[in-house]
Amino acid sequence: MHLSVNTHPAFWKDWKDVQKHHKTLEFQSIYTPDEFSAANDDSKMESIIHLRSIKNIVINATNDGLIEEKARKYDRQPFLQVGWTIRKMRLGIDDKGQSHGLRIIFCLNDEYLLFVFVATKNRCDDERKMEKVFLQRISEYVSV
């Protein structure tokens, strides 16, 4: 299955916040700022080692039928009626494990992979606030 990769525009603002706390090369783009702003979502993700890995994990797990092991379904699924499933993935960074790493919210349907939200653990302390943000973003992107 080939999935078209997209991101919500605010995803890139989230990523800049992540980059502020993690200055290693794996979090930086190989593009210049002008090249980055002109690139499509898939190219932007390919240009950042950490995001390319995340994207590949999701796509490979989806294609291999192992997505349940890599990213759990979110508790509420208000977009199922239009074919989208919300998933949350926890990813360890800086050798600290999943509990202190990144939180990635993405949606899947038969054709698209939509990255909606990414943040470090310390920005996700208020689960309700985070949920409100990413559900609003999905609602803006997905026609209900």
Protein backbone atom coordinates (compact mmCIF):
# COMPACT_ATOMS: atom_id res chain seq x y z
CA MET A 1 0.00 0.00 0.00
CA HIS A 2 1.36 3.41 -0.91
CA LEU A 3 0.47 6.19 1.51
CA SER A 4 0.69 9.84 0.55
CA VAL A 5 2.43 11.72 3.39
CA ASN A 6 1.01 15.03 4.56
CA THR A 7 1.37 17.22 7.62
CA HIS A 8 -0.81 19.79 9.26
CA PRO A 9 0.89 23.21 8.86
CA ALA A 10 1.19 23.58 12.66
CA PHE A 11 3.18 20.33 12.78
CA TRP A 12 6.23 22.24 11.56
CA LYS A 13 5.85 24.80 14.36
CA ASP A 14 5.75 21.90 16.81
CA TRP A 15 8.89 20.49 15.23
CA LYS A 16 10.73 23.82 15.65
CA ASP A 17 9.91 23.64 19.35
CA VAL A 18 11.33 20.11 19.51
CA GLN A 19 14.47 21.30 17.70
CA LYS A 20 15.07 23.99 20.32
CA HIS A 21 15.58 21.28 22.93
CA HIS A 22 17.48 18.85 20.72
CA LYS A 23 20.20 20.52 18.70
CA THR A 24 21.76 17.36 17.25
CA LEU A 25 21.97 16.86 13.49
CA GLU A 26 19.28 14.16 13.53
CA PHE A 27 16.73 16.88 14.32
CA GLN A 28 17.91 19.37 11.67
CA SER A 29 17.02 19.53 7.98
CA ILE A 30 19.63 19.07 5.29
CA TYR A 31 17.88 21.87 3.36
CA THR A 32 18.51 25.58 3.67
CA PRO A 33 15.56 27.50 5.16
CA ASP A 34 14.46 28.62 1.67
CA GLU A 35 14.68 25.09 0.27
CA PHE A 36 12.80 23.76 3.27
CA SER A 37 9.91 26.21 2.94
CA ALA A 38 9.59 25.40 -0.79
CA ALA A 39 9.59 21.61 -0.30
CA ASN A 40 6.48 19.44 -0.03
CA ASP A 41 5.62 17.64 3.23
CA ASP A 42 7.18 14.32 2.23
CA SER A 43 10.44 16.00 1.16
CA LYS A 44 10.57 17.99 4.39
CA MET A 45 10.21 14.80 6.41
CA GLU A 46 12.86 13.06 4.31
CA SER A 47 15.28 15.94 4.96
CA ILE A 48 15.27 15.38 8.75
CA ILE A 49 16.78 12.09 9.88
CA HIS A 50 14.53 11.69 12.93
CA LEU A 51 11.31 12.45 11.04
CA ARG A 52 12.31 10.19 8.15
CA SER A 53 12.72 7.36 10.67
CA ILE A 54 9.32 8.06 12.22
CA LYS A 55 7.65 8.19 8.82
CA ASN A 56 9.29 4.92 7.77
CA ILE A 57 8.32 3.18 11.01
CA VAL A 58 4.67 4.16 10.48
CA ILE A 59 4.56 3.26 6.78
CA ASN A 60 6.37 -0.07 7.23
CA ALA A 61 4.24 -1.02 10.24
CA THR A 62 1.08 -0.17 8.30
CA ASN A 63 2.18 -2.15 5.24
CA ASP A 64 3.25 -5.14 7.36
CA GLY A 65 0.08 -5.14 9.48
CA LEU A 66 2.05 -4.29 12.63
CA ILE A 67 0.72 -0.77 13.26
CA GLU A 68 -1.05 -1.91 16.43
CA GLU A 69 2.35 -2.74 17.94
CA LYS A 70 3.97 0.57 16.99
CA ALA A 71 1.21 3.11 17.62
CA ARG A 72 -1.90 2.69 19.70
CA LYS A 73 -5.29 3.94 18.62
CA TYR A 74 -6.30 7.09 20.40
CA ASP A 75 -9.09 6.71 22.98
CA ARG A 76 -11.62 8.70 21.01
CA GLN A 77 -12.10 8.28 17.26
CA PRO A 78 -14.43 11.08 16.11
CA PHE A 79 -13.27 10.83 12.48
CA LEU A 80 -13.91 7.13 11.86
CA GLN A 81 -17.10 7.86 9.93
CA VAL A 82 -15.00 9.59 7.24
CA GLY A 83 -12.35 6.87 7.24
CA TRP A 84 -9.59 8.34 9.45
CA THR A 85 -8.05 6.59 12.45
CA ILE A 86 -6.14 8.65 15.00
CA ARG A 87 -3.00 7.07 16.42
CA LYS A 88 -0.52 8.10 19.09
CA MET A 89 3.08 6.97 19.05
CA ARG A 90 5.64 7.39 21.81
CA LEU A 91 9.24 7.38 20.69
CA GLY A 92 12.31 7.35 22.88
CA ILE A 93 15.02 9.95 22.22
CA ASP A 94 18.33 10.82 23.84
CA ASP A 95 18.60 7.32 25.39
CA LYS A 96 15.80 8.13 27.85
CA GLY A 97 13.15 5.76 26.55
CA GLN A 98 9.58 6.25 25.39
CA SER A 99 8.29 7.69 28.65
CA HIS A 100 10.57 10.74 28.27
CA GLY A 101 10.63 11.02 24.49
CA LEU A 102 8.44 12.35 21.71
CA ARG A 103 4.68 12.13 21.37
CA ILE A 104 3.51 11.92 17.77
CA ILE A 105 -0.13 12.10 16.77
CA PHE A 106 -1.00 11.03 13.25
CA CYS A 107 -4.02 9.89 11.27
CA LEU A 108 -4.33 7.15 8.70
CA ASN A 109 -6.85 6.26 6.07
CA ASP A 110 -6.53 4.01 3.02
CA GLU A 111 -4.54 6.57 1.02
CA TYR A 112 -3.05 9.15 3.38
CA LEU A 113 -0.77 9.45 6.36
CA LEU A 114 -1.32 12.79 8.10
CA PHE A 115 1.11 13.92 10.80
CA VAL A 116 -0.80 16.24 13.10
CA PHE A 117 1.16 16.89 16.29
CA VAL A 118 4.62 16.28 17.71
CA ALA A 119 5.98 17.33 21.08
CA THR A 120 8.38 16.34 23.78
CA LYS A 121 7.00 14.74 26.94
CA ASN A 122 7.28 17.93 29.00
CA ARG A 123 4.91 19.72 26.59
CA CYS A 124 2.29 16.98 26.92
CA ASP A 125 1.68 17.13 30.66
CA ASP A 126 -1.89 18.33 30.18
CA GLU A 127 -3.46 15.52 28.15
CA ARG A 128 -6.81 17.32 27.75
CA LYS A 129 -5.18 20.46 26.39
CA MET A 130 -3.08 18.41 23.95
CA GLU A 131 -6.17 16.49 22.84
CA LYS A 132 -8.07 19.71 22.18
CA VAL A 133 -5.20 21.01 20.03
CA PHE A 134 -4.77 17.96 17.85
CA LEU A 135 -8.50 17.26 17.45
CA GLN A 136 -8.96 20.84 16.24
CA ARG A 137 -6.09 20.39 13.79
CA ILE A 138 -7.54 17.17 12.42
CA SER A 139 -10.94 18.79 12.11
CA GLU A 140 -9.40 21.63 10.08
CA TYR A 141 -7.68 19.18 7.75
CA VAL A 142 -10.28 16.45 7.36
CA SER A 143 -13.67 17.21 5.92
CA VAL A 144 -16.28 15.85 8.29
